[in-house]
Amino acid sequence: MNKKQRNTYSALFAEPIRRNILWNDVVSLVLALGGQVLQGDGSRVRFDLNDVSLNIHSPHPQKELKRYQVKAVRDFLVNAGVEL
């Protein structure tokens, strides 16, 4: 993982929940951790990592994750056993 991906990971777990986390940065983080990102119909996306899946809609038209999406990605990473 590079520094930007580590910063994205830290931002996901920051309190209070940040509102400026970019979708493409989260996708890059999941891929760097060895996960898969599968594009579904429309804005549907599935993240797979360590036998854990997260089905989520990519944010649109903006590029930043909403609070509930940050929480979902945070829970996904914890359930997948990711720790930095």
PDB file of N, CA and C in Angstrom:
ATOM      1  N   MET A   1       0.826  -1.180   0.000  1.00  0.00           N
ATOM      2  CA  MET A   1       0.000   0.000   0.000  1.00  0.00           C
ATOM      3  C   MET A   1       0.874   1.249   0.000  1.00  0.00           C
ATOM      4  N   ASN A   2       0.393   2.237  -0.734  1.00  0.00           N
ATOM      5  CA  ASN A   2       1.147   3.477  -0.745  1.00  0.00           C
ATOM      6  C   ASN A   2       0.607   4.441   0.321  1.00  0.00           C
ATOM      7  N   LYS A   3       1.229   5.607   0.416  1.00  0.00           N
ATOM      8  CA  LYS A   3       0.869   6.563   1.465  1.00  0.00           C
ATOM      9  C   LYS A   3      -0.563   7.067   1.307  1.00  0.00           C
ATOM     10  N   LYS A   4      -0.995   7.299   0.085  1.00  0.00           N
ATOM     11  CA  LYS A   4      -2.353   7.791  -0.146  1.00  0.00           C
ATOM     12  C   LYS A   4      -3.391   6.761   0.320  1.00  0.00           C
ATOM     13  N   GLN A   5      -3.124   5.493   0.072  1.00  0.00           N
ATOM     14  CA  GLN A   5      -4.048   4.438   0.508  1.00  0.00           C
ATOM     15  C   GLN A   5      -4.067   4.317   2.026  1.00  0.00           C
ATOM     16  N   ARG A   6      -2.923   4.485   2.669  1.00  0.00           N
ATOM     17  CA  ARG A   6      -2.892   4.488   4.140  1.00  0.00           C
ATOM     18  C   ARG A   6      -3.677   5.670   4.700  1.00  0.00           C
ATOM     19  N   ASN A   7      -3.558   6.822   4.049  1.00  0.00           N
ATOM     20  CA  ASN A   7      -4.313   8.001   4.477  1.00  0.00           C
ATOM     21  C   ASN A   7      -5.818   7.793   4.295  1.00  0.00           C
ATOM     22  N   THR A   8      -6.205   7.125   3.227  1.00  0.00           N
ATOM     23  CA  THR A   8      -7.621   6.817   3.007  1.00  0.00           C
ATOM     24  C   THR A   8      -8.132   5.905   4.109  1.00  0.00           C
ATOM     25  N   TYR A   9      -7.342   4.897   4.465  1.00  0.00           N
ATOM     26  CA  TYR A   9      -7.726   3.991   5.547  1.00  0.00           C
ATOM     27  C   TYR A   9      -7.908   4.770   6.848  1.00  0.00           C
ATOM     28  N   SER A  10      -6.970   5.644   7.153  1.00  0.00           N
ATOM     29  CA  SER A  10      -7.070   6.451   8.374  1.00  0.00           C
ATOM     30  C   SER A  10      -8.298   7.357   8.343  1.00  0.00           C
ATOM     31  N   ALA A  11      -8.584   7.928   7.189  1.00  0.00           N
ATOM     32  CA  ALA A  11      -9.740   8.817   7.050  1.00  0.00           C
ATOM     33  C   ALA A  11     -11.049   8.057   7.270  1.00  0.00           C
ATOM     34  N   LEU A  12     -11.102   6.815   6.833  1.00  0.00           N
ATOM     35  CA  LEU A  12     -12.322   6.014   7.010  1.00  0.00           C
ATOM     36  C   LEU A  12     -12.640   5.779   8.487  1.00  0.00           C
ATOM     37  N   PHE A  13     -11.605   5.705   9.316  1.00  0.00           N
ATOM     38  CA  PHE A  13     -11.806   5.408  10.730  1.00  0.00           C
ATOM     39  C   PHE A  13     -11.712   6.649  11.620  1.00  0.00           C
ATOM     40  N   ALA A  14     -11.600   7.815  11.004  1.00  0.00           N
ATOM     41  CA  ALA A  14     -11.516   9.059  11.769  1.00  0.00           C
ATOM     42  C   ALA A  14     -12.861   9.378  12.417  1.00  0.00           C
ATOM     43  N   GLU A  15     -12.800  10.000  13.583  1.00  0.00           N
ATOM     44  CA  GLU A  15     -14.006  10.489  14.275  1.00  0.00           C
ATOM     45  C   GLU A  15     -13.865  11.985  14.465  1.00  0.00           C
ATOM     46  N   PRO A  16     -14.849  12.776  14.177  1.00  0.00           N
ATOM     47  CA  PRO A  16     -16.136  12.413  13.589  1.00  0.00           C
ATOM     48  C   PRO A  16     -15.962  11.963  12.138  1.00  0.00           C
ATOM     49  N   ILE A  17     -16.972  11.310  11.601  1.00  0.00           N
ATOM     50  CA  ILE A  17     -16.898  10.761  10.254  1.00  0.00           C
ATOM     51  C   ILE A  17     -16.645  11.883   9.249  1.00  0.00           C
ATOM     52  N   ARG A  18     -15.641  11.682   8.436  1.00  0.00           N
ATOM     53  CA  ARG A  18     -15.280  12.698   7.437  1.00  0.00           C
ATOM     54  C   ARG A  18     -16.202  12.624   6.231  1.00  0.00           C
ATOM     55  N   ARG A  19     -16.412  13.755   5.607  1.00  0.00           N
ATOM     56  CA  ARG A  19     -17.309  13.832   4.454  1.00  0.00           C
ATOM     57  C   ARG A  19     -16.568  14.086   3.155  1.00  0.00           C
ATOM     58  N   ASN A  20     -15.253  14.006   3.173  1.00  0.00           N
ATOM     59  CA  ASN A  20     -14.473  14.313   1.982  1.00  0.00           C
ATOM     60  C   ASN A  20     -13.675  13.117   1.467  1.00  0.00           C
ATOM     61  N   ILE A  21     -14.118  11.907   1.756  1.00  0.00           N
ATOM     62  CA  ILE A  21     -13.418  10.710   1.302  1.00  0.00           C
ATOM     63  C   ILE A  21     -13.907  10.388  -0.106  1.00  0.00           C
ATOM     64  N   LEU A  22     -12.980  10.319  -1.041  1.00  0.00           N
ATOM     65  CA  LEU A  22     -13.330  10.092  -2.438  1.00  0.00           C
ATOM     66  C   LEU A  22     -13.562   8.614  -2.724  1.00  0.00           C
ATOM     67  N   TRP A  23     -14.559   8.358  -3.546  1.00  0.00           N
ATOM     68  CA  TRP A  23     -14.919   6.991  -3.934  1.00  0.00           C
ATOM     69  C   TRP A  23     -13.728   6.281  -4.583  1.00  0.00           C
ATOM     70  N   ASN A  24     -13.058   6.941  -5.511  1.00  0.00           N
ATOM     71  CA  ASN A  24     -11.937   6.300  -6.204  1.00  0.00           C
ATOM     72  C   ASN A  24     -10.796   5.940  -5.254  1.00  0.00           C
ATOM     73  N   ASP A  25     -10.635   6.698  -4.187  1.00  0.00           N
ATOM     74  CA  ASP A  25      -9.608   6.375  -3.195  1.00  0.00           C
ATOM     75  C   ASP A  25      -9.967   5.098  -2.431  1.00  0.00           C
ATOM     76  N   VAL A  26     -11.257   4.897  -2.150  1.00  0.00           N
ATOM     77  CA  VAL A  26     -11.697   3.680  -1.466  1.00  0.00           C
ATOM     78  C   VAL A  26     -11.514   2.469  -2.383  1.00  0.00           C
ATOM     79  N   VAL A  27     -11.857   2.624  -3.655  1.00  0.00           N
ATOM     80  CA  VAL A  27     -11.668   1.538  -4.624  1.00  0.00           C
ATOM     81  C   VAL A  27     -10.187   1.169  -4.687  1.00  0.00           C
ATOM     82  N   SER A  28      -9.316   2.158  -4.748  1.00  0.00           N
ATOM     83  CA  SER A  28      -7.877   1.923  -4.787  1.00  0.00           C
ATOM     84  C   SER A  28      -7.404   1.188  -3.532  1.00  0.00           C
ATOM     85  N   LEU A  29      -7.937   1.564  -2.373  1.00  0.00           N
ATOM     86  CA  LEU A  29      -7.573   0.910  -1.112  1.00  0.00           C
ATOM     87  C   LEU A  29      -7.965  -0.561  -1.120  1.00  0.00           C
ATOM     88  N   VAL A  30      -9.198  -0.862  -1.521  1.00  0.00           N
ATOM     89  CA  VAL A  30      -9.658  -2.253  -1.548  1.00  0.00           C
ATOM     90  C   VAL A  30      -8.787  -3.085  -2.483  1.00  0.00           C
ATOM     91  N   LEU A  31      -8.458  -2.549  -3.649  1.00  0.00           N
ATOM     92  CA  LEU A  31      -7.601  -3.270  -4.586  1.00  0.00           C
ATOM     93  C   LEU A  31      -6.205  -3.483  -4.016  1.00  0.00           C
ATOM     94  N   ALA A  32      -5.661  -2.486  -3.329  1.00  0.00           N
ATOM     95  CA  ALA A  32      -4.322  -2.602  -2.742  1.00  0.00           C
ATOM     96  C   ALA A  32      -4.281  -3.648  -1.628  1.00  0.00           C
ATOM     97  N   LEU A  33      -5.410  -3.840  -0.957  1.00  0.00           N
ATOM     98  CA  LEU A  33      -5.482  -4.839   0.111  1.00  0.00           C
ATOM     99  C   LEU A  33      -5.667  -6.253  -0.437  1.00  0.00           C
ATOM    100  N   GLY A  34      -5.757  -6.379  -1.763  1.00  0.00           N
ATOM    101  CA  GLY A  34      -5.910  -7.685  -2.383  1.00  0.00           C
ATOM    102  C   GLY A  34      -7.354  -8.052  -2.656  1.00  0.00           C
ATOM    103  N   GLY A  35      -8.233  -7.096  -2.547  1.00  0.00           N
ATOM    104  CA  GLY A  35      -9.648  -7.348  -2.778  1.00  0.00           C
ATOM    105  C   GLY A  35     -10.036  -7.179  -4.229  1.00  0.00           C
ATOM    106  N   GLN A  36     -11.300  -7.431  -4.503  1.00  0.00           N
ATOM    107  CA  GLN A  36     -11.856  -7.268  -5.839  1.00  0.00           C
ATOM    108  C   GLN A  36     -12.960  -6.232  -5.794  1.00  0.00           C
ATOM    109  N   VAL A  37     -13.109  -5.526  -6.888  1.00  0.00           N
ATOM    110  CA  VAL A  37     -14.177  -4.548  -7.047  1.00  0.00           C
ATOM    111  C   VAL A  37     -14.937  -4.935  -8.302  1.00  0.00           C
ATOM    112  N   LEU A  38     -16.199  -5.339  -8.121  1.00  0.00           N
ATOM    113  CA  LEU A  38     -17.010  -5.803  -9.238  1.00  0.00           C
ATOM    114  C   LEU A  38     -18.130  -4.810  -9.500  1.00  0.00           C
ATOM    115  N   GLN A  39     -18.175  -4.285 -10.733  1.00  0.00           N
ATOM    116  CA  GLN A  39     -19.195  -3.325 -11.123  1.00  0.00           C
ATOM    117  C   GLN A  39     -20.459  -4.075 -11.515  1.00  0.00           C
ATOM    118  N   GLY A  40     -21.578  -3.694 -10.916  1.00  0.00           N
ATOM    119  CA  GLY A  40     -22.860  -4.295 -11.252  1.00  0.00           C
ATOM    120  C   GLY A  40     -23.650  -3.375 -12.153  1.00  0.00           C
ATOM    121  N   ASP A  41     -24.967  -3.519 -12.138  1.00  0.00           N
ATOM    122  CA  ASP A  41     -25.838  -2.665 -12.932  1.00  0.00           C
ATOM    123  C   ASP A  41     -25.881  -1.269 -12.338  1.00  0.00           C
ATOM    124  N   GLY A  42     -25.853  -0.269 -13.193  1.00  0.00           N
ATOM    125  CA  GLY A  42     -25.948   1.113 -12.733  1.00  0.00           C
ATOM    126  C   GLY A  42     -24.797   1.477 -11.823  1.00  0.00           C
ATOM    127  N   SER A  43     -25.135   1.936 -10.625  1.00  0.00           N
ATOM    128  CA  SER A  43     -24.095   2.363  -9.682  1.00  0.00           C
ATOM    129  C   SER A  43     -23.768   1.289  -8.651  1.00  0.00           C
ATOM    130  N   ARG A  44     -24.297   0.091  -8.840  1.00  0.00           N
ATOM    131  CA  ARG A  44     -24.028  -0.988  -7.873  1.00  0.00           C
ATOM    132  C   ARG A  44     -22.599  -1.492  -8.000  1.00  0.00           C
ATOM    133  N   VAL A  45     -21.970  -1.678  -6.847  1.00  0.00           N
ATOM    134  CA  VAL A  45     -20.593  -2.167  -6.793  1.00  0.00           C
ATOM    135  C   VAL A  45     -20.499  -3.175  -5.663  1.00  0.00           C
ATOM    136  N   ARG A  46     -19.709  -4.229  -5.882  1.00  0.00           N
ATOM    137  CA  ARG A  46     -19.476  -5.208  -4.821  1.00  0.00           C
ATOM    138  C   ARG A  46     -17.984  -5.277  -4.539  1.00  0.00           C
ATOM    139  N   PHE A  47     -17.651  -5.100  -3.262  1.00  0.00           N
ATOM    140  CA  PHE A  47     -16.282  -5.282  -2.802  1.00  0.00           C
ATOM    141  C   PHE A  47     -16.180  -6.674  -2.196  1.00  0.00           C
ATOM    142  N   ASP A  48     -15.139  -7.417  -2.571  1.00  0.00           N
ATOM    143  CA  ASP A  48     -14.849  -8.727  -1.993  1.00  0.00           C
ATOM    144  C   ASP A  48     -13.438  -8.704  -1.428  1.00  0.00           C
ATOM    145  N   LEU A  49     -13.300  -9.127  -0.167  1.00  0.00           N
ATOM    146  CA  LEU A  49     -11.986  -9.169   0.478  1.00  0.00           C
ATOM    147  C   LEU A  49     -12.031 -10.193   1.601  1.00  0.00           C
ATOM    148  N   ASN A  50     -11.120 -11.160   1.571  1.00  0.00           N
ATOM    149  CA  ASN A  50     -11.017 -12.177   2.625  1.00  0.00           C
ATOM    150  C   ASN A  50     -12.359 -12.859   2.907  1.00  0.00           C
ATOM    151  N   ASP A  51     -13.049 -13.273   1.857  1.00  0.00           N
ATOM    152  CA  ASP A  51     -14.339 -13.974   1.960  1.00  0.00           C
ATOM    153  C   ASP A  51     -15.435 -13.129   2.598  1.00  0.00           C
ATOM    154  N   VAL A  52     -15.297 -11.818   2.570  1.00  0.00           N
ATOM    155  CA  VAL A  52     -16.326 -10.886   3.054  1.00  0.00           C
ATOM    156  C   VAL A  52     -16.714 -10.010   1.877  1.00  0.00           C
ATOM    157  N   SER A  53     -18.017  -9.773   1.722  1.00  0.00           N
ATOM    158  CA  SER A  53     -18.509  -8.947   0.623  1.00  0.00           C
ATOM    159  C   SER A  53     -19.279  -7.747   1.143  1.00  0.00           C
ATOM    160  N   LEU A  54     -19.249  -6.686   0.364  1.00  0.00           N
ATOM    161  CA  LEU A  54     -20.043  -5.491   0.637  1.00  0.00           C
ATOM    162  C   LEU A  54     -20.678  -5.057  -0.671  1.00  0.00           C
ATOM    163  N   ASN A  55     -21.996  -5.018  -0.690  1.00  0.00           N
ATOM    164  CA  ASN A  55     -22.731  -4.480  -1.835  1.00  0.00           C
ATOM    165  C   ASN A  55     -23.111  -3.052  -1.496  1.00  0.00           C
ATOM    166  N   ILE A  56     -22.718  -2.138  -2.372  1.00  0.00           N
ATOM    167  CA  ILE A  56     -22.899  -0.718  -2.103  1.00  0.00           C
ATOM    168  C   ILE A  56     -23.109   0.004  -3.433  1.00  0.00           C
ATOM    169  N   HIS A  57     -23.753   1.144  -3.373  1.00  0.00           N
ATOM    170  CA  HIS A  57     -23.898   1.995  -4.551  1.00  0.00           C
ATOM    171  C   HIS A  57     -22.803   3.044  -4.522  1.00  0.00           C
ATOM    172  N   SER A  58     -22.173   3.258  -5.665  1.00  0.00           N
ATOM    173  CA  SER A  58     -21.187   4.326  -5.724  1.00  0.00           C
ATOM    174  C   SER A  58     -21.917   5.663  -5.668  1.00  0.00           C
ATOM    175  N   PRO A  59     -21.315   6.648  -5.020  1.00  0.00           N
ATOM    176  CA  PRO A  59     -21.986   7.939  -4.898  1.00  0.00           C
ATOM    177  C   PRO A  59     -22.066   8.643  -6.252  1.00  0.00           C
ATOM    178  N   HIS A  60     -23.174   9.291  -6.476  1.00  0.00           N
ATOM    179  CA  HIS A  60     -23.343  10.061  -7.709  1.00  0.00           C
ATOM    180  C   HIS A  60     -24.387  11.133  -7.470  1.00  0.00           C
ATOM    181  N   PRO A  61     -24.332  12.270  -8.037  1.00  0.00           N
ATOM    182  CA  PRO A  61     -23.316  12.726  -8.998  1.00  0.00           C
ATOM    183  C   PRO A  61     -22.009  13.170  -8.347  1.00  0.00           C
ATOM    184  N   GLN A  62     -21.982  13.353  -7.034  1.00  0.00           N
ATOM    185  CA  GLN A  62     -20.747  13.754  -6.364  1.00  0.00           C
ATOM    186  C   GLN A  62     -19.783  12.576  -6.286  1.00  0.00           C
ATOM    187  N   LYS A  63     -18.560  12.850  -5.876  1.00  0.00           N
ATOM    188  CA  LYS A  63     -17.515  11.824  -5.831  1.00  0.00           C
ATOM    189  C   LYS A  63     -17.197  11.385  -4.413  1.00  0.00           C
ATOM    190  N   GLU A  64     -17.726  12.096  -3.406  1.00  0.00           N
ATOM    191  CA  GLU A  64     -17.419  11.793  -2.013  1.00  0.00           C
ATOM    192  C   GLU A  64     -18.456  10.829  -1.427  1.00  0.00           C
ATOM    193  N   LEU A  65     -17.984   9.977  -0.511  1.00  0.00           N
ATOM    194  CA  LEU A  65     -18.884   9.051   0.171  1.00  0.00           C
ATOM    195  C   LEU A  65     -19.761   9.799   1.161  1.00  0.00           C
ATOM    196  N   LYS A  66     -20.975   9.309   1.316  1.00  0.00           N
ATOM    197  CA  LYS A  66     -21.881   9.823   2.334  1.00  0.00           C
ATOM    198  C   LYS A  66     -21.537   9.134   3.653  1.00  0.00           C
ATOM    199  N   ARG A  67     -22.061   9.677   4.749  1.00  0.00           N
ATOM    200  CA  ARG A  67     -21.739   9.132   6.078  1.00  0.00           C
ATOM    201  C   ARG A  67     -22.075   7.648   6.185  1.00  0.00           C
ATOM    202  N   TYR A  68     -23.248   7.234   5.708  1.00  0.00           N
ATOM    203  CA  TYR A  68     -23.638   5.825   5.826  1.00  0.00           C
ATOM    204  C   TYR A  68     -22.733   4.928   4.982  1.00  0.00           C
ATOM    205  N   GLN A  69     -22.199   5.464   3.882  1.00  0.00           N
ATOM    206  CA  GLN A  69     -21.285   4.677   3.068  1.00  0.00           C
ATOM    207  C   GLN A  69     -19.942   4.515   3.765  1.00  0.00           C
ATOM    208  N   VAL A  70     -19.487   5.551   4.436  1.00  0.00           N
ATOM    209  CA  VAL A  70     -18.235   5.455   5.203  1.00  0.00           C
ATOM    210  C   VAL A  70     -18.393   4.392   6.285  1.00  0.00           C
ATOM    211  N   LYS A  71     -19.529   4.396   6.988  1.00  0.00           N
ATOM    212  CA  LYS A  71     -19.769   3.392   8.031  1.00  0.00           C
ATOM    213  C   LYS A  71     -19.790   1.987   7.442  1.00  0.00           C
ATOM    214  N   ALA A  72     -20.419   1.820   6.276  1.00  0.00           N
ATOM    215  CA  ALA A  72     -20.501   0.505   5.638  1.00  0.00           C
ATOM    216  C   ALA A  72     -19.115   0.005   5.236  1.00  0.00           C
ATOM    217  N   VAL A  73     -18.291   0.875   4.667  1.00  0.00           N
ATOM    218  CA  VAL A  73     -16.937   0.480   4.265  1.00  0.00           C
ATOM    219  C   VAL A  73     -16.097   0.174   5.497  1.00  0.00           C
ATOM    220  N   ARG A  74     -16.256   0.972   6.538  1.00  0.00           N
ATOM    221  CA  ARG A  74     -15.543   0.744   7.803  1.00  0.00           C
ATOM    222  C   ARG A  74     -15.879  -0.644   8.356  1.00  0.00           C
ATOM    223  N   ASP A  75     -17.157  -0.978   8.433  1.00  0.00           N
ATOM    224  CA  ASP A  75     -17.591  -2.293   8.922  1.00  0.00           C
ATOM    225  C   ASP A  75     -17.062  -3.415   8.026  1.00  0.00           C
ATOM    226  N   PHE A  76     -17.075  -3.197   6.728  1.00  0.00           N
ATOM    227  CA  PHE A  76     -16.566  -4.174   5.774  1.00  0.00           C
ATOM    228  C   PHE A  76     -15.091  -4.475   6.048  1.00  0.00           C
ATOM    229  N   LEU A  77     -14.296  -3.438   6.231  1.00  0.00           N
ATOM    230  CA  LEU A  77     -12.859  -3.644   6.479  1.00  0.00           C
ATOM    231  C   LEU A  77     -12.602  -4.350   7.807  1.00  0.00           C
ATOM    232  N   VAL A  78     -13.378  -4.006   8.823  1.00  0.00           N
ATOM    233  CA  VAL A  78     -13.227  -4.669  10.122  1.00  0.00           C
ATOM    234  C   VAL A  78     -13.605  -6.145  10.004  1.00  0.00           C
ATOM    235  N   ASN A  79     -14.717  -6.432   9.348  1.00  0.00           N
ATOM    236  CA  ASN A  79     -15.163  -7.825   9.186  1.00  0.00           C
ATOM    237  C   ASN A  79     -14.206  -8.637   8.322  1.00  0.00           C
ATOM    238  N   ALA A  80     -13.499  -7.970   7.408  1.00  0.00           N
ATOM    239  CA  ALA A  80     -12.529  -8.652   6.564  1.00  0.00           C
ATOM    240  C   ALA A  80     -11.194  -8.845   7.283  1.00  0.00           C
ATOM    241  N   GLY A  81     -11.074  -8.311   8.489  1.00  0.00           N
ATOM    242  CA  GLY A  81      -9.865  -8.507   9.285  1.00  0.00           C
ATOM    243  C   GLY A  81      -8.715  -7.606   8.902  1.00  0.00           C
ATOM    244  N   VAL A  82      -9.015  -6.454   8.318  1.00  0.00           N
ATOM    245  CA  VAL A  82      -7.960  -5.529   7.910  1.00  0.00           C
ATOM    246  C   VAL A  82      -7.567  -4.643   9.085  1.00  0.00           C
ATOM    247  N   GLU A  83      -6.272  -4.616   9.364  1.00  0.00           N
ATOM    248  CA  GLU A  83      -5.722  -3.722  10.393  1.00  0.00           C
ATOM    249  C   GLU A  83      -4.405  -3.183   9.881  1.00  0.00           C
ATOM    250  N   LEU A  84      -4.195  -1.900  10.068  1.00  0.00           N
ATOM    251  CA  LEU A  84      -2.918  -1.308   9.668  1.00  0.00           C
ATOM    252  C   LEU A  84      -2.165  -0.822  10.877  1.00  0.00           C
TER     253      LEU A  84
END
